[in-house]
PDB file of N, CA and C in Angstrom:
ATOM      1  N   MET A   1      91.923  85.902 135.894  1.00  0.00           N
ATOM      2  CA  MET A   1      91.123  85.333 134.808  1.00  0.00           C
ATOM      3  C   MET A   1      90.846  86.402 133.850  1.00  0.00           C
ATOM      4  N   ILE A   2      90.704  86.077 132.632  1.00  0.00           N
ATOM      5  CA  ILE A   2      90.415  86.955 131.447  1.00  0.00           C
ATOM      6  C   ILE A   2      88.936  87.252 131.376  1.00  0.00           C
ATOM      7  N   ASP A   3      88.464  88.380 131.233  1.00  0.00           N
ATOM      8  CA  ASP A   3      86.982  88.702 130.922  1.00  0.00           C
ATOM      9  C   ASP A   3      87.023  88.639 129.336  1.00  0.00           C
ATOM     10  N   MET A   4      86.164  87.574 128.961  1.00  0.00           N
ATOM     11  CA  MET A   4      86.171  87.318 127.538  1.00  0.00           C
ATOM     12  C   MET A   4      85.282  88.396 126.858  1.00  0.00           C
ATOM     13  N   THR A   5      84.424  88.780 127.421  1.00  0.00           N
ATOM     14  CA  THR A   5      83.692  89.948 126.759  1.00  0.00           C
ATOM     15  C   THR A   5      84.391  91.087 126.684  1.00  0.00           C
ATOM     16  N   GLU A   6      84.977  91.529 127.589  1.00  0.00           N
ATOM     17  CA  GLU A   6      85.945  92.733 127.562  1.00  0.00           C
ATOM     18  C   GLU A   6      87.060  92.379 126.372  1.00  0.00           C
ATOM     19  N   PHE A   7      87.615  91.234 126.459  1.00  0.00           N
ATOM     20  CA  PHE A   7      88.584  90.959 125.382  1.00  0.00           C
ATOM     21  C   PHE A   7      88.015  90.904 123.922  1.00  0.00           C
ATOM     22  N   GLU A   8      86.898  90.363 123.829  1.00  0.00           N
ATOM     23  CA  GLU A   8      86.194  90.373 122.496  1.00  0.00           C
ATOM     24  C   GLU A   8      85.748  91.827 122.159  1.00  0.00           C
ATOM     25  N   GLN A   9      85.379  92.682 122.848  1.00  0.00           N
ATOM     26  CA  GLN A   9      85.269  94.018 122.727  1.00  0.00           C
ATOM     27  C   GLN A   9      86.382  94.846 122.164  1.00  0.00           C
ATOM     28  N   LYS A  10      87.663  94.637 123.028  1.00  0.00           N
ATOM     29  CA  LYS A  10      89.000  95.283 122.528  1.00  0.00           C
ATOM     30  C   LYS A  10      89.340  94.523 121.079  1.00  0.00           C
ATOM     31  N   LEU A  11      89.069  93.372 120.935  1.00  0.00           N
ATOM     32  CA  LEU A  11      89.645  92.774 119.545  1.00  0.00           C
ATOM     33  C   LEU A  11      88.761  93.246 118.659  1.00  0.00           C
ATOM     34  N   ARG A  12      87.577  93.529 118.868  1.00  0.00           N
ATOM     35  CA  ARG A  12      86.681  93.927 117.667  1.00  0.00           C
ATOM     36  C   ARG A  12      87.147  95.334 117.261  1.00  0.00           C
ATOM     37  N   ALA A  13      87.388  96.277 118.442  1.00  0.00           N
ATOM     38  CA  ALA A  13      88.121  97.613 118.106  1.00  0.00           C
ATOM     39  C   ALA A  13      89.339  97.613 117.249  1.00  0.00           C
ATOM     40  N   GLU A  14      90.163  96.461 117.700  1.00  0.00           N
ATOM     41  CA  GLU A  14      91.331  96.661 117.005  1.00  0.00           C
ATOM     42  C   GLU A  14      91.144  96.185 115.593  1.00  0.00           C
ATOM     43  N   VAL A  15      90.279  95.308 115.258  1.00  0.00           N
ATOM     44  CA  VAL A  15      89.795  94.754 113.980  1.00  0.00           C
ATOM     45  C   VAL A  15      89.475  95.915 113.019  1.00  0.00           C
ATOM     46  N   ALA A  16      88.370  96.727 113.892  1.00  0.00           N
ATOM     47  CA  ALA A  16      88.029  97.976 112.955  1.00  0.00           C
ATOM     48  C   ALA A  16      89.149  98.800 112.840  1.00  0.00           C
ATOM     49  N   LYS A  17      89.933  99.185 113.556  1.00  0.00           N
ATOM     50  CA  LYS A  17      91.287  99.974 113.324  1.00  0.00           C
ATOM     51  C   LYS A  17      92.003  99.235 112.102  1.00  0.00           C
ATOM     52  N   ALA A  18      92.313  98.027 112.401  1.00  0.00           N
ATOM     53  CA  ALA A  18      93.249  97.366 111.210  1.00  0.00           C
ATOM     54  C   ALA A  18      92.502  97.267 109.898  1.00  0.00           C
ATOM     55  N   GLU A  19      91.099  97.232 109.798  1.00  0.00           N
ATOM     56  CA  GLU A  19      90.327  97.289 108.530  1.00  0.00           C
ATOM     57  C   GLU A  19      90.689  98.630 108.121  1.00  0.00           C
ATOM     58  N   ALA A  20      90.308  99.712 108.648  1.00  0.00           N
ATOM     59  CA  ALA A  20      90.643 101.136 108.244  1.00  0.00           C
ATOM     60  C   ALA A  20      91.873 101.315 107.787  1.00  0.00           C
ATOM     61  N   ASP A  21      92.980 100.749 108.503  1.00  0.00           N
ATOM     62  CA  ASP A  21      94.228 101.092 108.111  1.00  0.00           C
ATOM     63  C   ASP A  21      94.608 100.167 106.787  1.00  0.00           C
ATOM     64  N   ALA A  22      94.040  99.006 106.701  1.00  0.00           N
ATOM     65  CA  ALA A  22      94.457  98.271 105.556  1.00  0.00           C
ATOM     66  C   ALA A  22      93.574  98.918 104.317  1.00  0.00           C
ATOM     67  N   GLU A  23      92.338  99.448 104.461  1.00  0.00           N
ATOM     68  CA  GLU A  23      91.625 100.211 103.381  1.00  0.00           C
ATOM     69  C   GLU A  23      92.513 101.245 102.867  1.00  0.00           C
ATOM     70  N   ARG A  24      93.047 102.124 103.715  1.00  0.00           N
ATOM     71  CA  ARG A  24      93.878 103.226 103.457  1.00  0.00           C
ATOM     72  C   ARG A  24      95.206 102.903 102.718  1.00  0.00           C
ATOM     73  N   ALA A  25      95.931 101.891 103.207  1.00  0.00           N
ATOM     74  CA  ALA A  25      97.004 101.356 102.733  1.00  0.00           C
ATOM     75  C   ALA A  25      96.913 100.878 101.179  1.00  0.00           C
ATOM     76  N   PHE A  26      95.931 100.248 101.053  1.00  0.00           N
ATOM     77  CA  PHE A  26      95.450  99.624  99.582  1.00  0.00           C
ATOM     78  C   PHE A  26      95.248 100.780  98.595  1.00  0.00           C
ATOM     79  N   ALA A  27      94.398 101.765  99.173  1.00  0.00           N
ATOM     80  CA  ALA A  27      94.182 103.001  98.530  1.00  0.00           C
ATOM     81  C   ALA A  27      95.183 103.741  98.046  1.00  0.00           C
ATOM     82  N   SER A  28      96.279 103.860  99.163  1.00  0.00           N
ATOM     83  CA  SER A  28      97.598 104.640  98.729  1.00  0.00           C
ATOM     84  C   SER A  28      98.458 103.953  97.775  1.00  0.00           C
ATOM     85  N   PHE A  29      98.219 102.320  97.673  1.00  0.00           N
ATOM     86  CA  PHE A  29      99.026 101.572  96.747  1.00  0.00           C
ATOM     87  C   PHE A  29      98.489 101.718  95.452  1.00  0.00           C
ATOM     88  N   ARG A  30      97.229 101.881  95.350  1.00  0.00           N
ATOM     89  CA  ARG A  30      96.604 102.092  93.965  1.00  0.00           C
ATOM     90  C   ARG A  30      96.859 103.324  93.552  1.00  0.00           C
ATOM     91  N   GLU A  31      97.122 104.195  94.119  1.00  0.00           N
ATOM     92  CA  GLU A  31      97.328 105.661  93.718  1.00  0.00           C
ATOM     93  C   GLU A  31      98.732 106.017  93.800  1.00  0.00           C
ATOM     94  N   THR A  32      99.826 105.232  93.940  1.00  0.00           N
ATOM     95  CA  THR A  32     101.097 105.506  93.994  1.00  0.00           C
ATOM     96  C   THR A  32     101.427 105.569  92.439  1.00  0.00           C
ATOM     97  N   ASP A  33     102.224 106.576  92.122  1.00  0.00           N
ATOM     98  CA  ASP A  33     102.791 106.791  90.498  1.00  0.00           C
ATOM     99  C   ASP A  33     104.307 106.312  90.570  1.00  0.00           C
ATOM    100  N   ALA A  34     104.906 105.803  91.700  1.00  0.00           N
ATOM    101  CA  ALA A  34     106.048 105.344  91.738  1.00  0.00           C
ATOM    102  C   ALA A  34     106.350 104.293  90.715  1.00  0.00           C
ATOM    103  N   HIS A  35     107.687 104.225  90.083  1.00  0.00           N
ATOM    104  CA  HIS A  35     107.933 103.100  89.152  1.00  0.00           C
ATOM    105  C   HIS A  35     108.047 101.801  90.048  1.00  0.00           C
ATOM    106  N   PRO A  36     107.516 100.524  89.338  1.00  0.00           N
ATOM    107  CA  PRO A  36     107.527  99.436  90.116  1.00  0.00           C
ATOM    108  C   PRO A  36     108.959  98.952  90.640  1.00  0.00           C
ATOM    109  N   ASN A  37     109.967  99.484  90.129  1.00  0.00           N
ATOM    110  CA  ASN A  37     111.408  99.003  90.427  1.00  0.00           C
ATOM    111  C   ASN A  37     111.975 100.050  91.680  1.00  0.00           C
ATOM    112  N   SER A  38     111.111 100.911  91.819  1.00  0.00           N
ATOM    113  CA  SER A  38     111.517 101.908  92.886  1.00  0.00           C
ATOM    114  C   SER A  38     111.531 101.325  94.212  1.00  0.00           C
ATOM    115  N   THR A  39     112.468 102.122  95.115  1.00  0.00           N
ATOM    116  CA  THR A  39     112.324 101.796  96.537  1.00  0.00           C
ATOM    117  C   THR A  39     111.010 102.174  97.096  1.00  0.00           C
ATOM    118  N   GLU A  40     110.557 103.287  96.810  1.00  0.00           N
ATOM    119  CA  GLU A  40     109.379 103.990  97.255  1.00  0.00           C
ATOM    120  C   GLU A  40     108.075 102.972  97.019  1.00  0.00           C
ATOM    121  N   TYR A  41     107.968 102.411  95.680  1.00  0.00           N
ATOM    122  CA  TYR A  41     107.005 101.465  95.409  1.00  0.00           C
ATOM    123  C   TYR A  41     107.098 100.355  96.103  1.00  0.00           C
ATOM    124  N   GLN A  42     108.233  99.805  96.327  1.00  0.00           N
ATOM    125  CA  GLN A  42     108.437  98.574  97.236  1.00  0.00           C
ATOM    126  C   GLN A  42     108.064  98.848  98.544  1.00  0.00           C
ATOM    127  N   MET A  43     108.351  99.921  99.126  1.00  0.00           N
ATOM    128  CA  MET A  43     107.915 100.296 100.644  1.00  0.00           C
ATOM    129  C   MET A  43     106.522 100.276 100.646  1.00  0.00           C
ATOM    130  N   VAL A  44     105.929 100.943  99.836  1.00  0.00           N
ATOM    131  CA  VAL A  44     104.470 101.032  99.741  1.00  0.00           C
ATOM    132  C   VAL A  44     103.802  99.651  99.693  1.00  0.00           C
ATOM    133  N   LYS A  45     104.100  99.086  98.755  1.00  0.00           N
ATOM    134  CA  LYS A  45     103.757  97.553  98.732  1.00  0.00           C
ATOM    135  C   LYS A  45     103.758  96.682  99.652  1.00  0.00           C
ATOM    136  N   THR A  46     104.838  96.908 100.452  1.00  0.00           N
ATOM    137  CA  THR A  46     105.197  96.076 101.753  1.00  0.00           C
ATOM    138  C   THR A  46     104.307  96.421 102.846  1.00  0.00           C
ATOM    139  N   MET A  47     104.300  97.691 102.970  1.00  0.00           N
ATOM    140  CA  MET A  47     103.480  98.241 104.044  1.00  0.00           C
ATOM    141  C   MET A  47     101.786  97.876 103.733  1.00  0.00           C
ATOM    142  N   THR A  48     101.514  97.881 102.612  1.00  0.00           N
ATOM    143  CA  THR A  48     100.158  97.614 102.140  1.00  0.00           C
ATOM    144  C   THR A  48      99.936  96.010 102.466  1.00  0.00           C
ATOM    145  N   LEU A  49     100.715  95.194 102.077  1.00  0.00           N
ATOM    146  CA  LEU A  49     100.729  93.798 102.307  1.00  0.00           C
ATOM    147  C   LEU A  49     100.647  93.407 103.810  1.00  0.00           C
ATOM    148  N   MET A  50     101.544  94.297 104.447  1.00  0.00           N
ATOM    149  CA  MET A  50     101.517  94.073 106.028  1.00  0.00           C
ATOM    150  C   MET A  50     100.162  94.499 106.817  1.00  0.00           C
ATOM    151  N   ALA A  51      99.687  95.628 106.147  1.00  0.00           N
ATOM    152  CA  ALA A  51      98.398  96.042 106.600  1.00  0.00           C
ATOM    153  C   ALA A  51      97.316  94.957 106.351  1.00  0.00           C
ATOM    154  N   GLY A  52      97.120  94.498 105.324  1.00  0.00           N
ATOM    155  CA  GLY A  52      96.284  93.397 104.787  1.00  0.00           C
ATOM    156  C   GLY A  52      96.425  92.328 105.797  1.00  0.00           C
ATOM    157  N   GLY A  53      97.857  91.811 106.297  1.00  0.00           N
ATOM    158  CA  GLY A  53      98.019  90.555 106.896  1.00  0.00           C
ATOM    159  C   GLY A  53      97.702  90.871 108.484  1.00  0.00           C
ATOM    160  N   VAL A  54      97.917  92.087 108.968  1.00  0.00           N
ATOM    161  CA  VAL A  54      97.376  92.410 110.365  1.00  0.00           C
ATOM    162  C   VAL A  54      95.847  92.425 110.363  1.00  0.00           C
ATOM    163  N   TYR A  55      95.295  92.943 109.458  1.00  0.00           N
ATOM    164  CA  TYR A  55      93.855  92.777 109.334  1.00  0.00           C
ATOM    165  C   TYR A  55      93.330  91.374 109.391  1.00  0.00           C
ATOM    166  N   THR A  56      93.530  90.670 108.383  1.00  0.00           N
ATOM    167  CA  THR A  56      93.174  89.255 108.415  1.00  0.00           C
ATOM    168  C   THR A  56      93.681  88.390 109.603  1.00  0.00           C
ATOM    169  N   GLY A  57      94.789  88.392 110.090  1.00  0.00           N
ATOM    170  CA  GLY A  57      95.413  87.813 111.255  1.00  0.00           C
ATOM    171  C   GLY A  57      94.299  88.221 112.398  1.00  0.00           C
ATOM    172  N   LEU A  58      93.895  89.509 112.614  1.00  0.00           N
ATOM    173  CA  LEU A  58      93.099  89.825 113.752  1.00  0.00           C
ATOM    174  C   LEU A  58      91.822  89.192 113.630  1.00  0.00           C
ATOM    175  N   THR A  59      91.177  89.214 112.397  1.00  0.00           N
ATOM    176  CA  THR A  59      89.812  88.703 112.191  1.00  0.00           C
ATOM    177  C   THR A  59      89.925  87.239 112.299  1.00  0.00           C
ATOM    178  N   LYS A  60      90.977  86.673 111.839  1.00  0.00           N
ATOM    179  CA  LYS A  60      91.048  85.124 112.215  1.00  0.00           C
ATOM    180  C   LYS A  60      91.005  84.882 113.606  1.00  0.00           C
ATOM    181  N   ALA A  61      91.714  85.605 114.481  1.00  0.00           N
ATOM    182  CA  ALA A  61      91.390  85.533 115.914  1.00  0.00           C
ATOM    183  C   ALA A  61      90.060  85.586 116.517  1.00  0.00           C
ATOM    184  N   LEU A  62      89.420  86.686 115.966  1.00  0.00           N
ATOM    185  CA  LEU A  62      88.038  86.997 116.296  1.00  0.00           C
ATOM    186  C   LEU A  62      87.105  85.922 115.832  1.00  0.00           C
ATOM    187  N   SER A  63      87.464  85.437 114.679  1.00  0.00           N
ATOM    188  CA  SER A  63      86.507  84.419 114.318  1.00  0.00           C
ATOM    189  C   SER A  63      86.770  83.064 114.954  1.00  0.00           C
ATOM    190  N   LEU A  64      87.928  82.675 115.482  1.00  0.00           N
ATOM    191  CA  LEU A  64      88.222  81.551 116.366  1.00  0.00           C
ATOM    192  C   LEU A  64      87.571  81.821 117.798  1.00  0.00           C
ATOM    193  N   LEU A  65      87.582  82.988 118.193  1.00  0.00           N
ATOM    194  CA  LEU A  65      86.952  83.153 119.449  1.00  0.00           C
ATOM    195  C   LEU A  65      85.422  83.179 119.500  1.00  0.00           C
ATOM    196  N   THR A  66      84.875  83.751 118.383  1.00  0.00           N
ATOM    197  CA  THR A  66      83.374  83.944 118.331  1.00  0.00           C
ATOM    198  C   THR A  66      82.689  82.848 117.505  1.00  0.00           C
ATOM    199  N   GLY A  67      83.379  82.247 116.779  1.00  0.00           N
ATOM    200  CA  GLY A  67      82.754  81.302 115.682  1.00  0.00           C
ATOM    201  C   GLY A  67      81.923  81.832 114.498  1.00  0.00           C
ATOM    202  N   ASP A  68      82.204  83.444 114.411  1.00  0.00           N
ATOM    203  CA  ASP A  68      81.374  84.123 113.204  1.00  0.00           C
ATOM    204  C   ASP A  68      82.169  83.992 111.824  1.00  0.00           C
ATOM    205  N   GLN A  69      81.751  84.538 111.122  1.00  0.00           N
ATOM    206  CA  GLN A  69      82.480  84.366 109.714  1.00  0.00           C
ATOM    207  C   GLN A  69      83.215  85.866 109.434  1.00  0.00           C
ATOM    208  N   GLU A  70      83.713  86.419 110.299  1.00  0.00           N
ATOM    209  CA  GLU A  70      84.461  87.702 110.148  1.00  0.00           C
ATOM    210  C   GLU A  70      85.907  87.369 109.309  1.00  0.00           C
ATOM    211  N   PHE A  71      86.537  86.229 109.398  1.00  0.00           N
ATOM    212  CA  PHE A  71      87.807  86.004 108.635  1.00  0.00           C
ATOM    213  C   PHE A  71      87.306  85.810 107.317  1.00  0.00           C
ATOM    214  N   GLU A  72      86.412  85.085 106.979  1.00  0.00           N
ATOM    215  CA  GLU A  72      85.982  84.909 105.425  1.00  0.00           C
ATOM    216  C   GLU A  72      85.724  86.474 104.810  1.00  0.00           C
ATOM    217  N   ARG A  73      84.851  87.178 105.617  1.00  0.00           N
ATOM    218  CA  ARG A  73      84.571  88.603 105.077  1.00  0.00           C
ATOM    219  C   ARG A  73      85.804  89.296 104.791  1.00  0.00           C
ATOM    220  N   ALA A  74      86.666  89.347 105.783  1.00  0.00           N
ATOM    221  CA  ALA A  74      87.855  90.100 105.602  1.00  0.00           C
ATOM    222  C   ALA A  74      88.888  89.497 104.652  1.00  0.00           C
ATOM    223  N   ASN A  75      88.968  88.256 104.522  1.00  0.00           N
ATOM    224  CA  ASN A  75      89.914  87.495 103.543  1.00  0.00           C
ATOM    225  C   ASN A  75      89.265  88.115 102.040  1.00  0.00           C
ATOM    226  N   ALA A  76      87.859  88.097 102.118  1.00  0.00           N
ATOM    227  CA  ALA A  76      87.385  88.279 100.527  1.00  0.00           C
ATOM    228  C   ALA A  76      87.642  89.859 100.398  1.00  0.00           C
ATOM    229  N   ALA A  77      87.567  90.590 101.421  1.00  0.00           N
ATOM    230  CA  ALA A  77      87.611  92.168 101.231  1.00  0.00           C
ATOM    231  C   ALA A  77      89.245  92.494 100.809  1.00  0.00           C
ATOM    232  N   VAL A  78      90.094  91.778 101.340  1.00  0.00           N
ATOM    233  CA  VAL A  78      91.633  92.042 101.045  1.00  0.00           C
ATOM    234  C   VAL A  78      91.736  91.396  99.725  1.00  0.00           C
ATOM    235  N   LEU A  79      91.224  90.460  99.317  1.00  0.00           N
ATOM    236  CA  LEU A  79      91.394  89.597  98.074  1.00  0.00           C
ATOM    237  C   LEU A  79      90.833  90.896  96.844  1.00  0.00           C
ATOM    238  N   SER A  80      89.609  91.458  97.431  1.00  0.00           N
ATOM    239  CA  SER A  80      89.201  92.344  96.272  1.00  0.00           C
ATOM    240  C   SER A  80      90.029  93.755  96.214  1.00  0.00           C
ATOM    241  N   TRP A  81      90.528  94.112  97.223  1.00  0.00           N
ATOM    242  CA  TRP A  81      91.393  95.190  97.488  1.00  0.00           C
ATOM    243  C   TRP A  81      92.723  94.985  96.552  1.00  0.00           C
ATOM    244  N   ILE A  82      93.276  93.690  96.513  1.00  0.00           N
ATOM    245  CA  ILE A  82      94.558  93.404  95.749  1.00  0.00           C
ATOM    246  C   ILE A  82      94.108  93.273  94.307  1.00  0.00           C
ATOM    247  N   ASN A  83      93.019  92.849  93.985  1.00  0.00           N
ATOM    248  CA  ASN A  83      92.663  92.701  92.489  1.00  0.00           C
ATOM    249  C   ASN A  83      91.183  93.099  92.355  1.00  0.00           C
ATOM    250  N   PRO A  84      91.217  94.401  92.262  1.00  0.00           N
ATOM    251  CA  PRO A  84      89.571  95.087  92.288  1.00  0.00           C
ATOM    252  C   PRO A  84      88.942  94.725  91.057  1.00  0.00           C
ATOM    253  N   SER A  85      89.602  94.229  89.792  1.00  0.00           N
ATOM    254  CA  SER A  85      88.753  94.056  88.688  1.00  0.00           C
ATOM    255  C   SER A  85      88.294  92.578  88.743  1.00  0.00           C
ATOM    256  N   ALA A  86      88.691  91.665  89.675  1.00  0.00           N
ATOM    257  CA  ALA A  86      88.427  90.265  89.566  1.00  0.00           C
ATOM    258  C   ALA A  86      86.808  89.978  90.133  1.00  0.00           C
TER     259      ALA A  86
END
């Protein structure tokens, strides 16, 4: 049988790691000076979006498990990283 407390703790640790990874990825994307049509730019963009997806996916799982509002907070954070001027 799965120990839900231990599972939740591990999931929270993964969420924290994914959040840090996503923050770094979005910062790197904003700082890139590669041309938008270049392969480098497209790779950075893809990795950034994947990092944001992992973060929101894990927080959705955490929200479903705990009933808290982690997903809404994570989703708002990713949207603000995508469009910081909004």
